[in-house]
Every structure is written in structure tokens, then in C-alpha cells.
Amino acid sequence: MTRLNALTYNLALYLRLISIQIRSQLQYPASFWLDVAGTGISLATFFVSLALILQRFGNLGGWRLGEIAFLFGLLEASFGVMDMIFAGFDPSNFGRGVRRGTFDQLLLRPVNITLQVLGDEFVLRRIGRIAQGIVIFIIALNLTHIHWTLGKVIYLPFVVLGIVTFFGGLFIIGSTITFWTVESIEVMNIFTYGSSEMISYPMHIYPDWLRSFFTFILPAALLNYYPALYFLDKPDPLGMPIAMRFLSPLAGLLVLLVSLIIWRFGIRHYQSTGT
């Protein structure tokens, strides 16, 4: 089988696995749409609370509501896409499969193991989070009146890609760790959910050590804060190079590449729990 044929076959197989997941989740439409609405409402409630706080204090680190909504909406919509696509690698669920021995069943099948894990779970109800993030992002566009250029329009999808691949890579690393710990470790939540929460706000409001860690060690700050400076035409209060504003897709793809290397190492050294 040529490389092109193998790619076509794997893509067709992945789409088939996803279609099975979608049909399964839509078996009970009332329950499904209630889940979607619940996810969207919880996110909307949080943002409304943030808006009320900013209405009282005016700004956060010099950033007004529309500018923070830009960060928040872009991050939430992109993270929702990641959480839907990479749900099979969610460490909490993946660790349960390792403990119960269901992961061993995937290894017995003559299909690429990474593809199987990706297609093993596709959480369609995340569209509630995605839709709510898009709504907040649209509100931000109306509040900020961004001067759109061709470069900004082209760059925006790459920023989304950077966020999706970055956090997807963290999910893969967290899942690989469960080969040895069996249970997912809470420290990974600091790097996934914790860092996603942190970069929903301007990075310059944080202490130097925290900002440095999430810029140069785990480059979460590159995902949407620096791109937001470019989209919003804001000066960088930290005085970093202009190039930092265009590194979002590179940071995401780099983390994903590293995660796949770690994943392959974990697969080669995997030992079943015996269950």
C-alpha cells in the first residue's frame, strides 16, 4: 500500500469511526441537546459574571471588556474543538481504559493505535462550548472594532489550529503518563485546564515567574495573547519581539510533535495492568 493510499484509508476509517460515535450520541436527542445547552449556559454564566466585574472596575490590566472577550471567546471556541477531537486522549478517560484493560483490546486490532484512540471517543456535545465561544468572540468583534487586513484574516485560522494542536498534544502526553501511573495525575490539569484558564486573560497581569514559565517553558502565552496584540493593534507592555505575535501555530505543532514522540515511546514500553 502506497503512502497516499494508506493516508486515504486511514482518513476514511477515522471518518467512519467518528460517524459511529455521532450516531450513537444522537440516539437520545433530548439528552444530547440538554447536555449541549448545559455546557453553553455554564460558560455564558461565567462570562456574564466577568462582564459585571469589568463593568464595575472598567478594565483589567488596561484591557477592556471587548479585548478580554476576544481572548476568552477565541480560547473557548478553540479549546472546545480540541476537546471534541482529542476526547479519546483525555487522560482521565484514557487512564480508566488502561486500568480496565480496554486499551489492550485496541492494541490487538490491525489498525493504527493513534487513529483508534482518536476515533474511540468524539464528544459531540462540545459544540455547546464551541458555539458559546463563537458568540463571545462575535461580541468581542463588535466591542473592539478590529481593523481587519488580509493578513489578519489569513492568520486567524492558524491561531485556532495552534490552540487545538497545543492542548491536544498535552492530552496525549497526559494519556501516555497513565501507562505508568494508571490513574491520570492532577498536575496535568494544571498544564491543560489551568493554562487554558490563565491565557483567557492578559498575560502581563501575572507575576514574572509564572509568565516566564508559560512563555518559554510551556509556551501557552504564544497561543492567543500575543496574536491578540496583533489583531487588536495593541502595544506589548512586556516589550517582547514582534515575531512573538506570529508563533501560535508553531508552538502548537511543536507541542503536538513532541507529544507524538512521547506517545510512541510509551506504546513501545507499555505493559498491561493484567485486567
C-alpha atoms as a PDB file:
ATOM      1  CA  MET A   1       0.000   0.000   0.000  1.00  0.00           C
ATOM      2  CA  THR A   2       1.460   3.352  -1.044  1.00  0.00           C
ATOM      3  CA  ARG A   3       1.690   6.214   1.421  1.00  0.00           C
ATOM      4  CA  LEU A   4      -1.128   8.087  -0.334  1.00  0.00           C
ATOM      5  CA  ASN A   5      -3.380   5.031  -0.278  1.00  0.00           C
ATOM      6  CA  ALA A   6      -2.569   4.441   3.385  1.00  0.00           C
ATOM      7  CA  LEU A   7      -3.423   8.053   4.202  1.00  0.00           C
ATOM      8  CA  THR A   8      -6.712   7.821   2.303  1.00  0.00           C
ATOM      9  CA  TYR A   9      -7.564   4.534   4.020  1.00  0.00           C
ATOM     10  CA  ASN A  10      -6.801   5.922   7.497  1.00  0.00           C
ATOM     11  CA  LEU A  11      -8.807   9.069   6.837  1.00  0.00           C
ATOM     12  CA  ALA A  12     -11.798   7.057   5.624  1.00  0.00           C
ATOM     13  CA  LEU A  13     -11.536   4.778   8.655  1.00  0.00           C
ATOM     14  CA  TYR A  14     -11.337   7.735  11.034  1.00  0.00           C
ATOM     15  CA  LEU A  15     -14.408   9.363   9.495  1.00  0.00           C
ATOM     16  CA  ARG A  16     -16.267   6.059   9.813  1.00  0.00           C
ATOM     17  CA  LEU A  17     -15.339   5.783  13.493  1.00  0.00           C
ATOM     18  CA  ILE A  18     -16.480   9.356  14.075  1.00  0.00           C
ATOM     19  CA  SER A  19     -19.767   8.778  12.270  1.00  0.00           C
ATOM     20  CA  ILE A  20     -20.448   5.806  14.546  1.00  0.00           C
ATOM     21  CA  GLN A  21     -19.761   7.981  17.591  1.00  0.00           C
ATOM     22  CA  ILE A  22     -22.073  10.718  16.337  1.00  0.00           C
ATOM     23  CA  ARG A  23     -24.933   8.334  15.551  1.00  0.00           C
ATOM     24  CA  SER A  24     -24.530   6.750  18.979  1.00  0.00           C
ATOM     25  CA  GLN A  25     -24.676  10.093  20.808  1.00  0.00           C
ATOM     26  CA  LEU A  26     -27.741  11.201  18.831  1.00  0.00           C
ATOM     27  CA  GLN A  27     -29.740   8.122  19.805  1.00  0.00           C
ATOM     28  CA  TYR A  28     -31.260  10.165  22.637  1.00  0.00           C
ATOM     29  CA  PRO A  29     -31.631  13.659  21.120  1.00  0.00           C
ATOM     30  CA  ALA A  30     -33.335  15.237  24.137  1.00  0.00           C
ATOM     31  CA  SER A  31     -30.499  14.219  26.451  1.00  0.00           C
ATOM     32  CA  PHE A  32     -27.918  15.295  23.879  1.00  0.00           C
ATOM     33  CA  TRP A  33     -29.341  18.790  23.399  1.00  0.00           C
ATOM     34  CA  LEU A  34     -29.761  19.267  27.138  1.00  0.00           C
ATOM     35  CA  ASP A  35     -26.053  18.468  27.554  1.00  0.00           C
ATOM     36  CA  VAL A  36     -25.183  20.942  24.798  1.00  0.00           C
ATOM     37  CA  ALA A  37     -27.362  23.647  26.352  1.00  0.00           C
ATOM     38  CA  GLY A  38     -25.939  22.981  29.826  1.00  0.00           C
ATOM     39  CA  THR A  39     -22.374  23.385  28.581  1.00  0.00           C
ATOM     40  CA  GLY A  40     -23.220  26.629  26.805  1.00  0.00           C
ATOM     41  CA  ILE A  41     -25.184  28.081  29.735  1.00  0.00           C
ATOM     42  CA  SER A  42     -22.416  27.402  32.264  1.00  0.00           C
ATOM     43  CA  LEU A  43     -19.890  29.166  30.050  1.00  0.00           C
ATOM     44  CA  ALA A  44     -22.277  32.066  29.410  1.00  0.00           C
ATOM     45  CA  THR A  45     -22.897  32.474  33.146  1.00  0.00           C
ATOM     46  CA  PHE A  46     -19.163  32.679  33.804  1.00  0.00           C
ATOM     47  CA  PHE A  47     -18.666  35.295  31.101  1.00  0.00           C
ATOM     48  CA  VAL A  48     -21.607  37.391  32.300  1.00  0.00           C
ATOM     49  CA  SER A  49     -20.060  37.395  35.786  1.00  0.00           C
ATOM     50  CA  LEU A  50     -16.771  38.557  34.289  1.00  0.00           C
ATOM     51  CA  ALA A  51     -18.562  41.295  32.338  1.00  0.00           C
ATOM     52  CA  LEU A  52     -20.266  42.563  35.507  1.00  0.00           C
ATOM     53  CA  ILE A  53     -16.928  42.712  37.330  1.00  0.00           C
ATOM     54  CA  LEU A  54     -15.317  44.646  34.475  1.00  0.00           C
ATOM     55  CA  GLN A  55     -18.293  46.984  34.334  1.00  0.00           C
ATOM     56  CA  ARG A  56     -17.576  47.828  37.953  1.00  0.00           C
ATOM     57  CA  PHE A  57     -13.801  48.239  37.633  1.00  0.00           C
ATOM     58  CA  GLY A  58     -13.571  49.352  33.993  1.00  0.00           C
ATOM     59  CA  ASN A  59     -10.599  47.289  32.849  1.00  0.00           C
ATOM     60  CA  LEU A  60      -8.183  44.521  33.772  1.00  0.00           C
ATOM     61  CA  GLY A  61      -4.557  45.455  33.325  1.00  0.00           C
ATOM     62  CA  GLY A  62      -5.605  48.127  30.836  1.00  0.00           C
ATOM     63  CA  TRP A  63      -7.711  45.686  28.800  1.00  0.00           C
ATOM     64  CA  ARG A  64     -11.392  46.480  28.483  1.00  0.00           C
ATOM     65  CA  LEU A  65     -14.272  44.010  28.218  1.00  0.00           C
ATOM     66  CA  GLY A  66     -14.214  43.660  24.434  1.00  0.00           C
ATOM     67  CA  GLU A  67     -10.483  42.917  24.380  1.00  0.00           C
ATOM     68  CA  ILE A  68     -10.734  40.304  27.129  1.00  0.00           C
ATOM     69  CA  ALA A  69     -13.793  38.835  25.376  1.00  0.00           C
ATOM     70  CA  PHE A  70     -11.569  38.441  22.306  1.00  0.00           C
ATOM     71  CA  LEU A  71      -9.115  36.324  24.313  1.00  0.00           C
ATOM     72  CA  PHE A  72     -11.876  34.441  26.095  1.00  0.00           C
ATOM     73  CA  GLY A  73     -14.027  33.667  23.057  1.00  0.00           C
ATOM     74  CA  LEU A  74     -11.122  32.617  20.849  1.00  0.00           C
ATOM     75  CA  LEU A  75      -9.731  30.332  23.538  1.00  0.00           C
ATOM     76  CA  GLU A  76     -13.064  28.746  24.479  1.00  0.00           C
ATOM     77  CA  ALA A  77     -14.115  28.016  20.890  1.00  0.00           C
ATOM     78  CA  SER A  78     -10.713  26.546  20.015  1.00  0.00           C
ATOM     79  CA  PHE A  79     -10.448  24.529  23.233  1.00  0.00           C
ATOM     80  CA  GLY A  80     -13.933  23.151  22.590  1.00  0.00           C
ATOM     81  CA  VAL A  81     -12.829  21.942  19.147  1.00  0.00           C
ATOM     82  CA  MET A  82      -9.788  20.300  20.725  1.00  0.00           C
ATOM     83  CA  ASP A  83     -11.839  18.691  23.491  1.00  0.00           C
ATOM     84  CA  MET A  84     -14.190  17.244  20.889  1.00  0.00           C
ATOM     85  CA  ILE A  85     -11.491  15.880  18.560  1.00  0.00           C
ATOM     86  CA  PHE A  86      -8.987  14.683  21.184  1.00  0.00           C
ATOM     87  CA  ALA A  87     -11.569  13.340  23.666  1.00  0.00           C
ATOM     88  CA  GLY A  88     -10.161   9.832  23.262  1.00  0.00           C
ATOM     89  CA  PHE A  89      -6.875  11.111  24.701  1.00  0.00           C
ATOM     90  CA  ASP A  90      -8.472  12.818  27.703  1.00  0.00           C
ATOM     91  CA  PRO A  91      -6.170  11.471  30.464  1.00  0.00           C
ATOM     92  CA  SER A  92      -8.994  10.846  32.933  1.00  0.00           C
ATOM     93  CA  ASN A  93     -10.924   8.671  30.490  1.00  0.00           C
ATOM     94  CA  PHE A  94      -7.841   7.121  28.920  1.00  0.00           C
ATOM     95  CA  GLY A  95      -6.428   6.100  32.303  1.00  0.00           C
ATOM     96  CA  ARG A  96      -9.692   4.322  33.062  1.00  0.00           C
ATOM     97  CA  GLY A  97      -9.276   2.313  29.851  1.00  0.00           C
ATOM     98  CA  VAL A  98      -5.721   1.356  30.803  1.00  0.00           C
ATOM     99  CA  ARG A  99      -6.863   0.264  34.253  1.00  0.00           C
ATOM    100  CA  ARG A 100      -9.761  -1.811  32.933  1.00  0.00           C
ATOM    101  CA  GLY A 101      -7.757  -3.383  30.117  1.00  0.00           C
ATOM    102  CA  THR A 102      -9.868  -1.966  27.279  1.00  0.00           C
ATOM    103  CA  PHE A 103      -6.782  -0.289  25.839  1.00  0.00           C
ATOM    104  CA  ASP A 104      -5.266  -3.744  25.365  1.00  0.00           C
ATOM    105  CA  GLN A 105      -8.163  -4.589  23.045  1.00  0.00           C
ATOM    106  CA  LEU A 106      -7.225  -1.675  20.794  1.00  0.00           C
ATOM    107  CA  LEU A 107      -3.649  -2.952  20.569  1.00  0.00           C
ATOM    108  CA  LEU A 108      -4.884  -6.303  19.234  1.00  0.00           C
ATOM    109  CA  ARG A 109      -6.572  -4.730  16.225  1.00  0.00           C
ATOM    110  CA  PRO A 110      -4.616  -4.367  12.951  1.00  0.00           C
ATOM    111  CA  VAL A 111      -5.268  -0.630  12.818  1.00  0.00           C
ATOM    112  CA  ASN A 112      -3.060   2.321  13.728  1.00  0.00           C
ATOM    113  CA  ILE A 113      -3.369   2.715  17.507  1.00  0.00           C
ATOM    114  CA  THR A 114      -3.287   6.530  17.440  1.00  0.00           C
ATOM    115  CA  LEU A 115      -6.122   6.555  14.922  1.00  0.00           C
ATOM    116  CA  GLN A 116      -8.139   4.162  17.072  1.00  0.00           C
ATOM    117  CA  VAL A 117      -7.779   6.288  20.200  1.00  0.00           C
ATOM    118  CA  LEU A 118      -8.745   9.428  18.274  1.00  0.00           C
ATOM    119  CA  GLY A 119     -11.831   7.699  16.916  1.00  0.00           C
ATOM    120  CA  ASP A 120     -12.684   5.905  20.151  1.00  0.00           C
ATOM    121  CA  GLU A 121     -14.442   8.962  21.556  1.00  0.00           C
ATOM    122  CA  PHE A 122     -15.804  12.059  19.840  1.00  0.00           C
ATOM    123  CA  VAL A 123     -17.721  14.262  22.282  1.00  0.00           C
ATOM    124  CA  LEU A 124     -20.235  15.992  20.033  1.00  0.00           C
ATOM    125  CA  ARG A 125     -21.845  17.871  22.926  1.00  0.00           C
ATOM    126  CA  ARG A 126     -18.761  20.089  22.997  1.00  0.00           C
ATOM    127  CA  ILE A 127     -20.460  22.062  20.241  1.00  0.00           C
ATOM    128  CA  GLY A 128     -22.190  23.889  23.102  1.00  0.00           C
ATOM    129  CA  ARG A 129     -18.837  25.225  24.298  1.00  0.00           C
ATOM    130  CA  ILE A 130     -17.724  25.937  20.740  1.00  0.00           C
ATOM    131  CA  ALA A 131     -20.912  27.823  19.886  1.00  0.00           C
ATOM    132  CA  GLN A 132     -20.770  29.859  23.086  1.00  0.00           C
ATOM    133  CA  GLY A 133     -17.126  30.714  22.440  1.00  0.00           C
ATOM    134  CA  ILE A 134     -18.015  31.863  18.923  1.00  0.00           C
ATOM    135  CA  VAL A 135     -20.848  34.029  20.277  1.00  0.00           C
ATOM    136  CA  ILE A 136     -18.494  35.667  22.791  1.00  0.00           C
ATOM    137  CA  PHE A 137     -15.923  36.160  20.034  1.00  0.00           C
ATOM    138  CA  ILE A 138     -18.524  37.858  17.832  1.00  0.00           C
ATOM    139  CA  ILE A 139     -19.481  40.121  20.756  1.00  0.00           C
ATOM    140  CA  ALA A 140     -15.789  40.964  21.139  1.00  0.00           C
ATOM    141  CA  LEU A 141     -15.545  41.918  17.474  1.00  0.00           C
ATOM    142  CA  ASN A 142     -18.470  44.300  17.890  1.00  0.00           C
ATOM    143  CA  LEU A 143     -16.964  45.859  21.018  1.00  0.00           C
ATOM    144  CA  THR A 144     -13.413  46.275  19.721  1.00  0.00           C
ATOM    145  CA  HIS A 145     -13.963  47.255  16.070  1.00  0.00           C
ATOM    146  CA  ILE A 146     -10.852  45.480  14.808  1.00  0.00           C
ATOM    147  CA  HIS A 147      -9.292  46.859  11.644  1.00  0.00           C
ATOM    148  CA  TRP A 148      -9.208  43.696   9.554  1.00  0.00           C
ATOM    149  CA  THR A 149      -6.495  43.210   6.971  1.00  0.00           C
ATOM    150  CA  LEU A 150      -5.857  40.285   4.642  1.00  0.00           C
ATOM    151  CA  GLY A 151      -3.011  39.164   6.895  1.00  0.00           C
ATOM    152  CA  LYS A 152      -5.271  39.081   9.967  1.00  0.00           C
ATOM    153  CA  VAL A 153      -7.992  37.134   8.146  1.00  0.00           C
ATOM    154  CA  ILE A 154      -5.477  34.533   6.938  1.00  0.00           C
ATOM    155  CA  TYR A 155      -3.733  34.272  10.310  1.00  0.00           C
ATOM    156  CA  LEU A 156      -6.861  33.719  12.444  1.00  0.00           C
ATOM    157  CA  PRO A 157      -7.455  30.050  11.413  1.00  0.00           C
ATOM    158  CA  PHE A 158      -3.793  29.300  12.105  1.00  0.00           C
ATOM    159  CA  VAL A 159      -4.181  30.671  15.632  1.00  0.00           C
ATOM    160  CA  VAL A 160      -7.126  28.318  16.153  1.00  0.00           C
ATOM    161  CA  LEU A 161      -5.001  25.468  14.770  1.00  0.00           C
ATOM    162  CA  GLY A 162      -2.201  26.360  17.189  1.00  0.00           C
ATOM    163  CA  ILE A 163      -4.530  26.240  20.206  1.00  0.00           C
ATOM    164  CA  VAL A 164      -6.126  22.955  19.119  1.00  0.00           C
ATOM    165  CA  THR A 165      -2.824  21.180  18.470  1.00  0.00           C
ATOM    166  CA  PHE A 166      -1.175  22.571  21.612  1.00  0.00           C
ATOM    167  CA  PHE A 167      -3.800  21.325  24.047  1.00  0.00           C
ATOM    168  CA  GLY A 168      -4.354  18.162  22.027  1.00  0.00           C
ATOM    169  CA  GLY A 169      -0.646  17.460  22.485  1.00  0.00           C
ATOM    170  CA  LEU A 170      -0.967  17.980  26.239  1.00  0.00           C
ATOM    171  CA  PHE A 171      -3.852  15.485  26.284  1.00  0.00           C
ATOM    172  CA  ILE A 172      -1.653  12.934  24.502  1.00  0.00           C
ATOM    173  CA  ILE A 173       1.208  13.463  26.966  1.00  0.00           C
ATOM    174  CA  GLY A 174      -1.186  13.093  29.899  1.00  0.00           C
ATOM    175  CA  SER A 175      -2.578   9.856  28.454  1.00  0.00           C
ATOM    176  CA  THR A 176       0.907   8.447  27.895  1.00  0.00           C
ATOM    177  CA  ILE A 177       1.806   9.101  31.523  1.00  0.00           C
ATOM    178  CA  THR A 178      -1.067   6.830  32.592  1.00  0.00           C
ATOM    179  CA  PHE A 179       0.843   3.862  31.121  1.00  0.00           C
ATOM    180  CA  TRP A 180       2.997   4.055  34.254  1.00  0.00           C
ATOM    181  CA  THR A 181       0.689   5.768  36.765  1.00  0.00           C
ATOM    182  CA  VAL A 182      -2.542   4.031  35.587  1.00  0.00           C
ATOM    183  CA  GLU A 183      -4.567   6.885  37.054  1.00  0.00           C
ATOM    184  CA  SER A 184      -4.326  10.344  35.491  1.00  0.00           C
ATOM    185  CA  ILE A 185      -2.215  12.745  37.547  1.00  0.00           C
ATOM    186  CA  GLU A 186      -3.658  16.068  38.636  1.00  0.00           C
ATOM    187  CA  VAL A 187      -0.536  18.004  37.672  1.00  0.00           C
ATOM    188  CA  MET A 188      -1.529  17.596  34.009  1.00  0.00           C
ATOM    189  CA  ASN A 189      -4.703  19.540  34.737  1.00  0.00           C
ATOM    190  CA  ILE A 190      -2.501  22.497  35.670  1.00  0.00           C
ATOM    191  CA  PHE A 191      -0.970  22.404  32.207  1.00  0.00           C
ATOM    192  CA  THR A 192      -4.223  21.808  30.307  1.00  0.00           C
ATOM    193  CA  TYR A 193      -7.250  23.293  32.025  1.00  0.00           C
ATOM    194  CA  GLY A 194      -5.134  25.531  34.252  1.00  0.00           C
ATOM    195  CA  SER A 195      -3.145  27.109  31.433  1.00  0.00           C
ATOM    196  CA  SER A 196      -6.258  27.459  29.255  1.00  0.00           C
ATOM    197  CA  GLU A 197      -7.926  29.355  32.093  1.00  0.00           C
ATOM    198  CA  MET A 198      -4.854  31.529  32.568  1.00  0.00           C
ATOM    199  CA  ILE A 199      -4.467  32.600  28.937  1.00  0.00           C
ATOM    200  CA  SER A 200      -8.090  33.726  28.838  1.00  0.00           C
ATOM    201  CA  TYR A 201      -6.744  36.934  30.412  1.00  0.00           C
ATOM    202  CA  PRO A 202      -3.900  39.341  29.523  1.00  0.00           C
ATOM    203  CA  MET A 203      -0.576  37.726  30.381  1.00  0.00           C
ATOM    204  CA  HIS A 204       1.016  40.882  31.773  1.00  0.00           C
ATOM    205  CA  ILE A 205      -1.242  40.755  34.867  1.00  0.00           C
ATOM    206  CA  TYR A 206       0.612  37.671  36.176  1.00  0.00           C
ATOM    207  CA  PRO A 207       3.867  37.506  38.203  1.00  0.00           C
ATOM    208  CA  ASP A 208       7.109  37.403  36.205  1.00  0.00           C
ATOM    209  CA  TRP A 209       7.972  33.795  37.127  1.00  0.00           C
ATOM    210  CA  LEU A 210       4.552  32.469  36.104  1.00  0.00           C
ATOM    211  CA  ARG A 211       4.524  34.450  32.885  1.00  0.00           C
ATOM    212  CA  SER A 212       8.052  33.286  32.026  1.00  0.00           C
ATOM    213  CA  PHE A 213       7.163  29.640  32.607  1.00  0.00           C
ATOM    214  CA  PHE A 214       4.095  29.801  30.355  1.00  0.00           C
ATOM    215  CA  THR A 215       6.005  31.704  27.689  1.00  0.00           C
ATOM    216  CA  PHE A 216       9.397  29.999  27.437  1.00  0.00           C
ATOM    217  CA  ILE A 217       8.932  26.563  29.049  1.00  0.00           C
ATOM    218  CA  LEU A 218       5.326  25.708  28.196  1.00  0.00           C
ATOM    219  CA  PRO A 219       4.547  28.358  25.551  1.00  0.00           C
ATOM    220  CA  ALA A 220       0.820  28.780  26.243  1.00  0.00           C
ATOM    221  CA  ALA A 221       1.155  32.575  26.154  1.00  0.00           C
ATOM    222  CA  LEU A 222       2.045  32.354  22.469  1.00  0.00           C
ATOM    223  CA  LEU A 223      -1.312  30.793  21.644  1.00  0.00           C
ATOM    224  CA  ASN A 224      -3.675  33.738  21.894  1.00  0.00           C
ATOM    225  CA  TYR A 225      -2.245  36.605  23.993  1.00  0.00           C
ATOM    226  CA  TYR A 226       0.481  37.624  21.546  1.00  0.00           C
ATOM    227  CA  PRO A 227      -1.735  37.026  18.489  1.00  0.00           C
ATOM    228  CA  ALA A 228      -4.390  39.172  20.204  1.00  0.00           C
ATOM    229  CA  LEU A 229      -1.884  42.035  20.384  1.00  0.00           C
ATOM    230  CA  TYR A 230      -1.573  41.750  16.605  1.00  0.00           C
ATOM    231  CA  PHE A 231      -5.317  41.547  15.929  1.00  0.00           C
ATOM    232  CA  LEU A 232      -6.167  44.357  18.351  1.00  0.00           C
ATOM    233  CA  ASP A 233      -3.210  46.553  17.290  1.00  0.00           C
ATOM    234  CA  LYS A 234      -2.123  46.888  20.914  1.00  0.00           C
ATOM    235  CA  PRO A 235       1.448  47.590  22.073  1.00  0.00           C
ATOM    236  CA  ASP A 236       3.175  44.895  24.074  1.00  0.00           C
ATOM    237  CA  PRO A 237       3.612  46.081  27.682  1.00  0.00           C
ATOM    238  CA  LEU A 238       6.271  43.393  28.126  1.00  0.00           C
ATOM    239  CA  GLY A 239       8.397  44.667  25.238  1.00  0.00           C
ATOM    240  CA  MET A 240       8.820  41.264  23.572  1.00  0.00           C
ATOM    241  CA  PRO A 241       9.860  40.933  19.897  1.00  0.00           C
ATOM    242  CA  ILE A 242       7.144  41.460  17.277  1.00  0.00           C
ATOM    243  CA  ALA A 243       7.765  37.910  15.999  1.00  0.00           C
ATOM    244  CA  MET A 244       6.190  36.525  19.201  1.00  0.00           C
ATOM    245  CA  ARG A 245       2.789  37.509  17.805  1.00  0.00           C
ATOM    246  CA  PHE A 246       3.101  35.008  14.949  1.00  0.00           C
ATOM    247  CA  LEU A 247       4.355  31.901  16.748  1.00  0.00           C
ATOM    248  CA  SER A 248       0.986  30.428  17.788  1.00  0.00           C
ATOM    249  CA  PRO A 249       0.748  27.706  15.090  1.00  0.00           C
ATOM    250  CA  LEU A 250       4.431  26.841  15.504  1.00  0.00           C
ATOM    251  CA  ALA A 251       4.064  26.448  19.287  1.00  0.00           C
ATOM    252  CA  GLY A 252       1.010  24.227  18.861  1.00  0.00           C
ATOM    253  CA  LEU A 253       2.525  21.975  16.222  1.00  0.00           C
ATOM    254  CA  LEU A 254       5.774  21.681  18.193  1.00  0.00           C
ATOM    255  CA  VAL A 255       3.946  20.508  21.321  1.00  0.00           C
ATOM    256  CA  LEU A 256       1.904  18.042  19.233  1.00  0.00           C
ATOM    257  CA  LEU A 257       5.071  16.667  17.589  1.00  0.00           C
ATOM    258  CA  VAL A 258       6.775  16.212  20.962  1.00  0.00           C
ATOM    259  CA  SER A 259       3.657  14.546  22.357  1.00  0.00           C
ATOM    260  CA  LEU A 260       3.557  12.034  19.496  1.00  0.00           C
ATOM    261  CA  ILE A 261       7.213  11.150  20.118  1.00  0.00           C
ATOM    262  CA  ILE A 262       6.432  10.580  23.805  1.00  0.00           C
ATOM    263  CA  TRP A 263       3.309   8.597  22.834  1.00  0.00           C
ATOM    264  CA  ARG A 264       5.294   6.260  20.575  1.00  0.00           C
ATOM    265  CA  PHE A 265       7.849   5.749  23.332  1.00  0.00           C
ATOM    266  CA  GLY A 266       5.020   4.900  25.728  1.00  0.00           C
ATOM    267  CA  ILE A 267       3.452   2.432  23.291  1.00  0.00           C
ATOM    268  CA  ARG A 268       6.767   0.613  22.829  1.00  0.00           C
ATOM    269  CA  HIS A 269       7.209   0.279  26.591  1.00  0.00           C
ATOM    270  CA  TYR A 270       3.588  -0.336  27.519  1.00  0.00           C
ATOM    271  CA  GLN A 271       2.913  -3.169  29.945  1.00  0.00           C
ATOM    272  CA  SER A 272      -0.669  -4.245  30.561  1.00  0.00           C
ATOM    273  CA  THR A 273      -2.181  -3.947  34.014  1.00  0.00           C
ATOM    274  CA  GLY A 274      -3.353  -7.552  33.598  1.00  0.00           C
ATOM    275  CA  THR A 275      -7.061  -6.776  33.960  1.00  0.00           C
END
